[in-house]
Each structure stands twice: as structure tokens, then as C-alpha cells.
Amino acid sequence: MPTSKDPIKRKKQLANLQKNMARPGDVKNPKGRPRTTIRSMIDDFEKRGMIVPSAHEISKIYVYIASQTEEELKQTMMDKTLPMMTRIIARGVLNKKGLDVVERIMDRAYGKEQRIDITTNGKDLKPEPLTIRFVANREELEKIRNEVPDIPAEGAGKEG
């Protein structure tokens, strides 16, 4: 509120303002506004019987919503007995960016696709050529073992 231009009224207004100003250490509202902490909100939700769904339950609901027909999604979106998040997801799937929403749903349900780079210093790995030899008797097998030193002798390395 602006002060008056009349010097007498102005002096009274300033005196009133000065009288009502809080001085250091004074508390004009000792009880203050009651705090609402996250812990108190959690306690309130738990008293009302609400529980936090597991990650597995959340991923299942995403998949179920993404699997609904358009008509079922419309019913889900309008069902005020369902949790708000379920209705929001259904609305997102039905709007213009439905495919984007479904993709995000699947990412949340199953995780984003992980790609593993199997290269060495940016170069593709080149597989060694594979040679398969069929042998009919022990003599041929011994001949091959002599050519390739890391083939175990008969009986070596077998479990049993």
C-alpha cells in the first residue's frame, strides 16, 4: 500500500508500519504454517492402506496396458476407480504419439535394448576359418593331433 502524500498522514502511516514490523528475534507467527513432509505423506498413505507396487508389478501393468485394444484403453482411461497413473498411461497410448508411448512403456517394462560392441580398437573382429575333419580310425586321429598340438589326448578333459 503506497503512503499518503499528506505529510501528517504519511508520518502516522510510517509510525504504524514501524510499530508492526518484526524486530530481530521476534516471531509474529510462533506456530507458523504446519509442515507437510514427505515422511508424513508416506505415513498418511500407509494408514490409508496404500502399498508401493514392486518393479515386477509395474512392468506387468505396462505390458497389460500396451496389449489392450483401443476400446479397452478408452475404458481404462475413463475408469475412475483405477489408479491415476494407469489412466495417464492409457491416455498417452491413445494420443497421437501412441507408438512413442508404447516404446517407452516397453523400455520401462523390459529395459532399453543393450548393445554390446565386440570390436577391437574400432575394428571388426575377423573370425578364423574353421576346419572340420571327420576321422574313421585312431591312426587318422593321431595324425590330426600331431598337426594341432592343443587337442587333448583321448580321455583327457572328460568329466564323468
N, C-alpha and C. Protein backbone atom coordinates (compact mmCIF):
# COMPACT_ATOMS: atom_id res chain seq x y z
N MET A 1 0.85 -1.18 0.00
CA MET A 1 0.00 0.00 0.00
C MET A 1 0.90 1.24 0.00
N PRO A 2 0.72 2.12 -0.99
CA PRO A 2 1.55 3.33 -1.03
C PRO A 2 1.16 4.29 0.10
N THR A 3 2.15 5.06 0.55
CA THR A 3 1.88 6.02 1.63
C THR A 3 1.26 7.30 1.05
N SER A 4 0.61 8.03 1.93
CA SER A 4 -0.10 9.24 1.53
C SER A 4 0.88 10.37 1.18
N LYS A 5 0.42 11.31 0.37
CA LYS A 5 1.24 12.47 0.03
C LYS A 5 1.14 13.54 1.12
N ASP A 6 0.07 13.48 1.91
CA ASP A 6 -0.11 14.43 3.02
C ASP A 6 0.94 14.10 4.10
N PRO A 7 1.80 15.07 4.46
CA PRO A 7 2.89 14.78 5.40
C PRO A 7 2.43 14.28 6.77
N ILE A 8 1.30 14.76 7.27
CA ILE A 8 0.81 14.33 8.60
C ILE A 8 0.34 12.88 8.54
N LYS A 9 -0.48 12.54 7.50
CA LYS A 9 -0.96 11.16 7.34
C LYS A 9 0.21 10.21 7.08
N ARG A 10 1.14 10.73 6.29
CA ARG A 10 2.31 9.90 5.94
C ARG A 10 3.12 9.56 7.18
N LYS A 11 3.28 10.52 8.09
CA LYS A 11 4.04 10.29 9.32
C LYS A 11 3.35 9.22 10.17
N LYS A 12 2.00 9.29 10.27
CA LYS A 12 1.24 8.29 11.04
C LYS A 12 1.35 6.91 10.40
N GLN A 13 1.28 6.86 9.07
CA GLN A 13 1.38 5.57 8.37
C GLN A 13 2.74 4.92 8.61
N LEU A 14 3.79 5.73 8.51
CA LEU A 14 5.13 5.20 8.73
C LEU A 14 5.31 4.73 10.17
N ALA A 15 4.72 5.45 11.13
CA ALA A 15 4.80 5.06 12.54
C ALA A 15 4.10 3.72 12.75
N ASN A 16 2.92 3.54 12.14
CA ASN A 16 2.19 2.27 12.23
C ASN A 16 3.00 1.12 11.62
N LEU A 17 3.60 1.38 10.48
CA LEU A 17 4.42 0.35 9.83
C LEU A 17 5.59 -0.04 10.73
N GLN A 18 6.24 0.98 11.31
CA GLN A 18 7.39 0.75 12.17
C GLN A 18 6.98 -0.05 13.40
N LYS A 19 5.81 0.29 13.97
CA LYS A 19 5.32 -0.37 15.18
C LYS A 19 5.03 -1.86 14.92
N ASN A 20 4.51 -2.18 13.73
CA ASN A 20 4.11 -3.55 13.42
C ASN A 20 5.22 -4.39 12.77
N MET A 21 6.37 -3.79 12.51
CA MET A 21 7.47 -4.55 11.90
C MET A 21 8.07 -5.51 12.90
N ALA A 22 8.43 -6.69 12.43
CA ALA A 22 9.09 -7.67 13.30
C ALA A 22 10.53 -7.25 13.51
N ARG A 23 10.97 -7.31 14.76
CA ARG A 23 12.35 -6.99 15.09
C ARG A 23 13.15 -8.29 15.15
N PRO A 24 14.44 -8.22 15.00
CA PRO A 24 15.25 -9.44 15.06
C PRO A 24 14.96 -10.22 16.35
N GLY A 25 14.67 -11.50 16.19
CA GLY A 25 14.37 -12.36 17.34
C GLY A 25 12.88 -12.46 17.63
N ASP A 26 12.08 -11.51 17.10
CA ASP A 26 10.63 -11.58 17.29
C ASP A 26 10.03 -12.57 16.31
N VAL A 27 9.01 -13.28 16.76
CA VAL A 27 8.29 -14.19 15.87
C VAL A 27 6.83 -13.77 15.90
N LYS A 28 6.32 -13.30 14.78
CA LYS A 28 4.95 -12.83 14.70
C LYS A 28 3.95 -13.98 14.59
N ASN A 29 4.41 -15.13 14.09
CA ASN A 29 3.52 -16.29 13.93
C ASN A 29 4.24 -17.50 14.53
N PRO A 30 4.19 -17.65 15.87
CA PRO A 30 5.01 -18.67 16.51
C PRO A 30 4.71 -20.10 16.07
N LYS A 31 3.45 -20.41 15.82
CA LYS A 31 3.12 -21.77 15.37
C LYS A 31 3.47 -21.95 13.90
N GLY A 32 3.38 -20.89 13.13
CA GLY A 32 3.72 -20.95 11.71
C GLY A 32 2.80 -21.88 10.93
N ARG A 33 3.11 -22.03 9.69
CA ARG A 33 2.34 -22.92 8.83
C ARG A 33 2.80 -24.35 9.11
N PRO A 34 1.87 -25.26 9.32
CA PRO A 34 2.31 -26.63 9.61
C PRO A 34 3.05 -27.24 8.42
N ARG A 35 4.14 -27.92 8.71
CA ARG A 35 4.94 -28.53 7.66
C ARG A 35 4.32 -29.85 7.22
N THR A 36 4.39 -30.09 5.92
CA THR A 36 3.99 -31.38 5.39
C THR A 36 5.24 -31.99 4.80
N THR A 37 5.77 -32.98 5.46
CA THR A 37 6.98 -33.61 4.97
C THR A 37 6.62 -34.83 4.14
N ILE A 38 7.58 -35.28 3.37
CA ILE A 38 7.37 -36.49 2.58
C ILE A 38 7.07 -37.65 3.51
N ARG A 39 7.78 -37.71 4.64
CA ARG A 39 7.55 -38.81 5.59
C ARG A 39 6.11 -38.81 6.08
N SER A 40 5.55 -37.60 6.37
CA SER A 40 4.17 -37.55 6.84
C SER A 40 3.20 -37.97 5.74
N MET A 41 3.54 -37.64 4.48
CA MET A 41 2.68 -38.07 3.38
C MET A 41 2.73 -39.59 3.24
N ILE A 42 3.93 -40.16 3.35
CA ILE A 42 4.08 -41.62 3.26
C ILE A 42 3.30 -42.28 4.39
N ASP A 43 3.42 -41.75 5.60
CA ASP A 43 2.68 -42.31 6.74
C ASP A 43 1.18 -42.26 6.49
N ASP A 44 0.71 -41.14 5.93
CA ASP A 44 -0.71 -41.00 5.63
C ASP A 44 -1.16 -42.03 4.60
N PHE A 45 -0.38 -42.21 3.53
CA PHE A 45 -0.72 -43.21 2.51
C PHE A 45 -0.77 -44.61 3.12
N GLU A 46 0.21 -44.93 3.97
CA GLU A 46 0.26 -46.25 4.58
C GLU A 46 -0.91 -46.47 5.53
N LYS A 47 -1.33 -45.43 6.27
CA LYS A 47 -2.50 -45.54 7.15
C LYS A 47 -3.76 -45.82 6.35
N ARG A 48 -3.80 -45.28 5.12
CA ARG A 48 -4.95 -45.49 4.25
C ARG A 48 -4.89 -46.85 3.55
N GLY A 49 -3.84 -47.63 3.83
CA GLY A 49 -3.75 -48.97 3.27
C GLY A 49 -3.09 -49.05 1.90
N MET A 50 -2.48 -47.98 1.46
CA MET A 50 -1.83 -48.00 0.16
C MET A 50 -0.48 -48.70 0.27
N ILE A 51 -0.10 -49.40 -0.80
CA ILE A 51 1.20 -50.07 -0.83
C ILE A 51 1.93 -49.67 -2.10
N VAL A 52 3.25 -49.77 -2.07
CA VAL A 52 4.06 -49.45 -3.24
C VAL A 52 4.20 -50.74 -4.06
N PRO A 53 3.81 -50.71 -5.33
CA PRO A 53 3.95 -51.92 -6.14
C PRO A 53 5.42 -52.21 -6.44
N SER A 54 5.72 -53.48 -6.60
CA SER A 54 7.10 -53.87 -6.92
C SER A 54 7.41 -53.51 -8.36
N ALA A 55 8.70 -53.51 -8.71
CA ALA A 55 9.12 -53.23 -10.08
C ALA A 55 8.50 -54.25 -11.04
N HIS A 56 8.40 -55.49 -10.59
CA HIS A 56 7.80 -56.55 -11.43
C HIS A 56 6.32 -56.24 -11.70
N GLU A 57 5.60 -55.81 -10.66
CA GLU A 57 4.18 -55.47 -10.84
C GLU A 57 4.02 -54.28 -11.78
N ILE A 58 4.88 -53.29 -11.65
CA ILE A 58 4.81 -52.11 -12.53
C ILE A 58 5.07 -52.52 -13.97
N SER A 59 6.08 -53.35 -14.20
CA SER A 59 6.37 -53.76 -15.58
C SER A 59 5.21 -54.56 -16.15
N LYS A 60 4.55 -55.38 -15.34
CA LYS A 60 3.40 -56.16 -15.83
C LYS A 60 2.26 -55.24 -16.25
N ILE A 61 1.98 -54.19 -15.46
CA ILE A 61 0.86 -53.30 -15.81
C ILE A 61 1.14 -52.56 -17.10
N TYR A 62 2.42 -52.18 -17.34
CA TYR A 62 2.77 -51.53 -18.60
C TYR A 62 2.47 -52.46 -19.77
N VAL A 63 2.86 -53.71 -19.64
CA VAL A 63 2.65 -54.67 -20.74
C VAL A 63 1.15 -54.91 -20.94
N TYR A 64 0.40 -55.03 -19.84
CA TYR A 64 -1.05 -55.24 -19.98
C TYR A 64 -1.71 -54.06 -20.69
N ILE A 65 -1.33 -52.85 -20.31
CA ILE A 65 -1.93 -51.67 -20.94
C ILE A 65 -1.58 -51.62 -22.42
N ALA A 66 -0.32 -51.91 -22.74
CA ALA A 66 0.11 -51.87 -24.14
C ALA A 66 -0.56 -52.97 -24.95
N SER A 67 -1.09 -54.00 -24.30
CA SER A 67 -1.72 -55.12 -25.00
C SER A 67 -3.22 -54.94 -25.19
N GLN A 68 -3.79 -53.87 -24.67
CA GLN A 68 -5.23 -53.67 -24.76
C GLN A 68 -5.66 -53.18 -26.15
N THR A 69 -6.92 -53.47 -26.47
CA THR A 69 -7.49 -52.93 -27.71
C THR A 69 -7.80 -51.45 -27.48
N GLU A 70 -8.10 -50.74 -28.55
CA GLU A 70 -8.41 -49.32 -28.43
C GLU A 70 -9.63 -49.10 -27.54
N GLU A 71 -10.64 -49.94 -27.69
CA GLU A 71 -11.85 -49.81 -26.88
C GLU A 71 -11.53 -50.05 -25.40
N GLU A 72 -10.71 -51.06 -25.12
CA GLU A 72 -10.33 -51.35 -23.74
C GLU A 72 -9.51 -50.20 -23.15
N LEU A 73 -8.62 -49.61 -23.97
CA LEU A 73 -7.83 -48.48 -23.50
C LEU A 73 -8.73 -47.29 -23.14
N LYS A 74 -9.76 -47.06 -23.97
CA LYS A 74 -10.69 -45.96 -23.69
C LYS A 74 -11.42 -46.21 -22.37
N GLN A 75 -11.82 -47.46 -22.14
CA GLN A 75 -12.48 -47.80 -20.87
C GLN A 75 -11.52 -47.63 -19.70
N THR A 76 -10.29 -48.07 -19.89
CA THR A 76 -9.28 -47.93 -18.83
C THR A 76 -9.07 -46.45 -18.50
N MET A 77 -8.97 -45.63 -19.53
CA MET A 77 -8.73 -44.20 -19.34
C MET A 77 -9.88 -43.54 -18.58
N MET A 78 -11.11 -44.01 -18.80
CA MET A 78 -12.28 -43.38 -18.18
C MET A 78 -12.64 -43.98 -16.81
N ASP A 79 -12.03 -45.10 -16.43
CA ASP A 79 -12.38 -45.79 -15.19
C ASP A 79 -11.75 -45.07 -13.99
N LYS A 80 -12.56 -44.31 -13.27
CA LYS A 80 -12.06 -43.50 -12.16
C LYS A 80 -11.72 -44.33 -10.92
N THR A 81 -12.00 -45.64 -10.96
CA THR A 81 -11.62 -46.49 -9.83
C THR A 81 -10.18 -46.98 -9.96
N LEU A 82 -9.59 -46.84 -11.15
CA LEU A 82 -8.22 -47.27 -11.38
C LEU A 82 -7.24 -46.19 -10.90
N PRO A 83 -6.02 -46.58 -10.55
CA PRO A 83 -5.01 -45.58 -10.16
C PRO A 83 -4.78 -44.58 -11.29
N MET A 84 -4.49 -43.35 -10.92
CA MET A 84 -4.31 -42.27 -11.90
C MET A 84 -3.21 -42.59 -12.90
N MET A 85 -2.12 -43.19 -12.44
CA MET A 85 -1.01 -43.49 -13.35
C MET A 85 -1.46 -44.43 -14.46
N THR A 86 -2.29 -45.40 -14.13
CA THR A 86 -2.80 -46.33 -15.15
C THR A 86 -3.60 -45.57 -16.19
N ARG A 87 -4.42 -44.64 -15.74
CA ARG A 87 -5.25 -43.86 -16.66
C ARG A 87 -4.39 -42.93 -17.52
N ILE A 88 -3.34 -42.36 -16.94
CA ILE A 88 -2.45 -41.47 -17.69
C ILE A 88 -1.73 -42.26 -18.79
N ILE A 89 -1.26 -43.46 -18.46
CA ILE A 89 -0.57 -44.28 -19.46
C ILE A 89 -1.53 -44.63 -20.59
N ALA A 90 -2.76 -45.01 -20.25
CA ALA A 90 -3.75 -45.35 -21.28
C ALA A 90 -4.01 -44.15 -22.18
N ARG A 91 -4.12 -42.95 -21.60
CA ARG A 91 -4.35 -41.74 -22.39
C ARG A 91 -3.16 -41.50 -23.31
N GLY A 92 -1.96 -41.70 -22.81
CA GLY A 92 -0.75 -41.50 -23.62
C GLY A 92 -0.70 -42.44 -24.80
N VAL A 93 -1.11 -43.69 -24.60
CA VAL A 93 -1.10 -44.66 -25.70
C VAL A 93 -2.12 -44.26 -26.76
N LEU A 94 -3.24 -43.71 -26.34
CA LEU A 94 -4.30 -43.35 -27.29
C LEU A 94 -4.03 -42.06 -28.07
N ASN A 95 -3.15 -41.18 -27.58
CA ASN A 95 -2.96 -39.92 -28.30
C ASN A 95 -2.09 -40.11 -29.54
N LYS A 96 -1.76 -39.02 -30.22
CA LYS A 96 -1.03 -39.08 -31.50
C LYS A 96 0.32 -39.77 -31.38
N LYS A 97 0.94 -39.66 -30.24
CA LYS A 97 2.27 -40.23 -30.07
C LYS A 97 2.19 -41.60 -29.41
N GLY A 98 1.15 -42.34 -29.74
CA GLY A 98 0.92 -43.65 -29.13
C GLY A 98 2.09 -44.60 -29.26
N LEU A 99 2.73 -44.64 -30.43
CA LEU A 99 3.85 -45.55 -30.62
C LEU A 99 5.03 -45.18 -29.74
N ASP A 100 5.26 -43.88 -29.58
CA ASP A 100 6.33 -43.43 -28.68
C ASP A 100 6.04 -43.87 -27.25
N VAL A 101 4.77 -43.73 -26.85
CA VAL A 101 4.39 -44.12 -25.50
C VAL A 101 4.57 -45.62 -25.31
N VAL A 102 4.15 -46.40 -26.30
CA VAL A 102 4.31 -47.85 -26.21
C VAL A 102 5.79 -48.21 -26.10
N GLU A 103 6.63 -47.52 -26.89
CA GLU A 103 8.06 -47.79 -26.83
C GLU A 103 8.61 -47.49 -25.44
N ARG A 104 8.20 -46.37 -24.87
CA ARG A 104 8.65 -46.03 -23.52
C ARG A 104 8.12 -47.04 -22.50
N ILE A 105 6.88 -47.49 -22.71
CA ILE A 105 6.31 -48.50 -21.82
C ILE A 105 7.14 -49.77 -21.86
N MET A 106 7.47 -50.20 -23.06
CA MET A 106 8.24 -51.43 -23.19
C MET A 106 9.65 -51.26 -22.61
N ASP A 107 10.24 -50.07 -22.80
CA ASP A 107 11.56 -49.80 -22.22
C ASP A 107 11.49 -49.90 -20.69
N ARG A 108 10.41 -49.39 -20.12
CA ARG A 108 10.29 -49.44 -18.67
C ARG A 108 9.98 -50.85 -18.19
N ALA A 109 9.21 -51.57 -18.97
CA ALA A 109 8.86 -52.93 -18.57
C ALA A 109 10.04 -53.88 -18.71
N TYR A 110 10.78 -53.78 -19.82
CA TYR A 110 11.84 -54.74 -20.12
C TYR A 110 13.22 -54.13 -20.12
N GLY A 111 13.32 -52.82 -20.00
CA GLY A 111 14.62 -52.15 -20.07
C GLY A 111 14.97 -51.85 -21.52
N LYS A 112 15.82 -50.85 -21.69
CA LYS A 112 16.23 -50.49 -23.06
C LYS A 112 17.12 -51.57 -23.63
N GLU A 113 17.09 -51.69 -24.93
CA GLU A 113 17.92 -52.67 -25.60
C GLU A 113 19.38 -52.36 -25.33
N GLN A 114 20.11 -53.37 -24.90
CA GLN A 114 21.53 -53.20 -24.62
C GLN A 114 22.33 -53.66 -25.83
N ARG A 115 23.26 -52.86 -26.25
CA ARG A 115 24.11 -53.23 -27.37
C ARG A 115 25.53 -53.43 -26.83
N ILE A 116 26.12 -54.53 -27.23
CA ILE A 116 27.48 -54.82 -26.80
C ILE A 116 28.38 -54.72 -28.02
N ASP A 117 29.40 -53.89 -27.90
CA ASP A 117 30.33 -53.68 -29.01
C ASP A 117 31.43 -54.73 -28.92
N ILE A 118 31.46 -55.65 -29.89
CA ILE A 118 32.52 -56.66 -29.90
C ILE A 118 33.47 -56.34 -31.04
N THR A 119 34.23 -55.31 -30.79
CA THR A 119 35.27 -54.91 -31.75
C THR A 119 36.56 -54.70 -30.99
N THR A 120 37.65 -54.65 -31.72
CA THR A 120 38.92 -54.34 -31.10
C THR A 120 39.44 -53.04 -31.69
N ASN A 121 39.55 -52.03 -30.83
CA ASN A 121 40.02 -50.70 -31.26
C ASN A 121 39.26 -50.19 -32.47
N GLY A 122 37.96 -50.41 -32.47
CA GLY A 122 37.13 -49.92 -33.56
C GLY A 122 37.14 -50.78 -34.81
N LYS A 123 37.93 -51.84 -34.82
CA LYS A 123 37.99 -52.72 -35.99
C LYS A 123 37.15 -53.96 -35.73
N ASP A 124 36.44 -54.42 -36.75
CA ASP A 124 35.64 -55.63 -36.60
C ASP A 124 36.55 -56.83 -36.39
N LEU A 125 36.07 -57.76 -35.58
CA LEU A 125 36.81 -59.00 -35.38
C LEU A 125 36.66 -59.87 -36.62
N LYS A 126 37.74 -60.49 -37.02
CA LYS A 126 37.69 -61.38 -38.18
C LYS A 126 37.81 -62.81 -37.68
N PRO A 127 36.78 -63.60 -37.88
CA PRO A 127 36.85 -64.98 -37.38
C PRO A 127 37.85 -65.81 -38.17
N GLU A 128 38.51 -66.69 -37.44
CA GLU A 128 39.44 -67.63 -38.08
C GLU A 128 38.62 -68.64 -38.87
N PRO A 129 39.15 -69.13 -40.00
CA PRO A 129 38.39 -70.15 -40.73
C PRO A 129 38.34 -71.44 -39.90
N LEU A 130 37.21 -72.09 -39.96
CA LEU A 130 37.00 -73.31 -39.19
C LEU A 130 37.13 -74.51 -40.12
N THR A 131 37.96 -75.46 -39.71
CA THR A 131 38.12 -76.68 -40.49
C THR A 131 37.60 -77.84 -39.68
N ILE A 132 36.71 -78.59 -40.25
CA ILE A 132 36.18 -79.77 -39.59
C ILE A 132 36.65 -81.00 -40.35
N ARG A 133 37.27 -81.90 -39.61
CA ARG A 133 37.74 -83.14 -40.22
C ARG A 133 37.05 -84.32 -39.53
N PHE A 134 36.55 -85.22 -40.32
CA PHE A 134 35.96 -86.44 -39.80
C PHE A 134 36.98 -87.55 -39.94
N VAL A 135 37.16 -88.31 -38.88
CA VAL A 135 38.14 -89.41 -38.93
C VAL A 135 37.42 -90.74 -38.72
N ALA A 136 37.96 -91.73 -39.38
CA ALA A 136 37.34 -93.05 -39.31
C ALA A 136 38.06 -93.98 -38.36
N ASN A 137 39.34 -93.68 -38.05
CA ASN A 137 40.07 -94.58 -37.17
C ASN A 137 41.07 -93.80 -36.32
N ARG A 138 41.73 -94.51 -35.38
CA ARG A 138 42.65 -93.88 -34.43
C ARG A 138 43.92 -93.35 -35.11
N GLU A 139 44.36 -93.97 -36.16
CA GLU A 139 45.56 -93.52 -36.85
C GLU A 139 45.36 -92.11 -37.41
N GLU A 140 44.21 -91.89 -38.05
CA GLU A 140 43.92 -90.56 -38.62
C GLU A 140 43.78 -89.52 -37.49
N LEU A 141 43.17 -89.93 -36.38
CA LEU A 141 43.02 -89.02 -35.24
C LEU A 141 44.40 -88.62 -34.69
N GLU A 142 45.30 -89.55 -34.55
CA GLU A 142 46.65 -89.26 -34.06
C GLU A 142 47.39 -88.33 -35.02
N LYS A 143 47.18 -88.54 -36.31
CA LYS A 143 47.81 -87.68 -37.33
C LYS A 143 47.35 -86.23 -37.16
N ILE A 144 46.05 -86.05 -36.91
CA ILE A 144 45.49 -84.70 -36.72
C ILE A 144 46.00 -84.11 -35.41
N ARG A 145 46.08 -84.91 -34.36
CA ARG A 145 46.59 -84.43 -33.06
C ARG A 145 48.03 -83.93 -33.20
N ASN A 146 48.79 -84.57 -34.04
CA ASN A 146 50.17 -84.14 -34.25
C ASN A 146 50.23 -82.81 -35.00
N GLU A 147 49.26 -82.57 -35.87
CA GLU A 147 49.21 -81.29 -36.61
C GLU A 147 48.79 -80.14 -35.70
N VAL A 148 47.83 -80.40 -34.81
CA VAL A 148 47.29 -79.37 -33.93
C VAL A 148 47.62 -79.78 -32.49
N PRO A 149 48.63 -79.15 -31.88
CA PRO A 149 49.14 -79.61 -30.59
C PRO A 149 48.16 -79.45 -29.41
N ASP A 150 47.15 -78.55 -29.46
CA ASP A 150 46.31 -78.35 -28.28
C ASP A 150 45.07 -79.24 -28.25
N ILE A 151 45.00 -80.29 -29.05
CA ILE A 151 43.89 -81.24 -28.95
C ILE A 151 44.25 -82.22 -27.84
N PRO A 152 43.38 -82.37 -26.83
CA PRO A 152 43.73 -83.26 -25.72
C PRO A 152 43.76 -84.72 -26.15
N ALA A 153 44.62 -85.48 -25.47
CA ALA A 153 44.71 -86.92 -25.75
C ALA A 153 43.41 -87.57 -25.32
N GLU A 154 43.16 -88.75 -25.82
CA GLU A 154 41.93 -89.47 -25.54
C GLU A 154 41.77 -89.65 -24.03
N GLY A 155 40.58 -89.31 -23.55
CA GLY A 155 40.30 -89.47 -22.11
C GLY A 155 40.64 -88.21 -21.33
N ALA A 156 41.50 -87.35 -21.83
CA ALA A 156 41.89 -86.14 -21.09
C ALA A 156 40.77 -85.11 -21.23
N GLY A 157 40.48 -84.44 -20.14
CA GLY A 157 39.47 -83.39 -20.15
C GLY A 157 38.07 -83.89 -20.09
N LYS A 158 37.85 -85.19 -20.06
CA LYS A 158 36.50 -85.71 -19.95
C LYS A 158 36.09 -85.71 -18.50
N GLU A 159 34.83 -85.36 -18.28
CA GLU A 159 34.28 -85.40 -16.93
C GLU A 159 33.43 -86.65 -16.82
N GLY A 160 33.39 -87.23 -15.67
CA GLY A 160 32.49 -88.36 -15.59
C GLY A 160 32.74 -89.21 -14.51
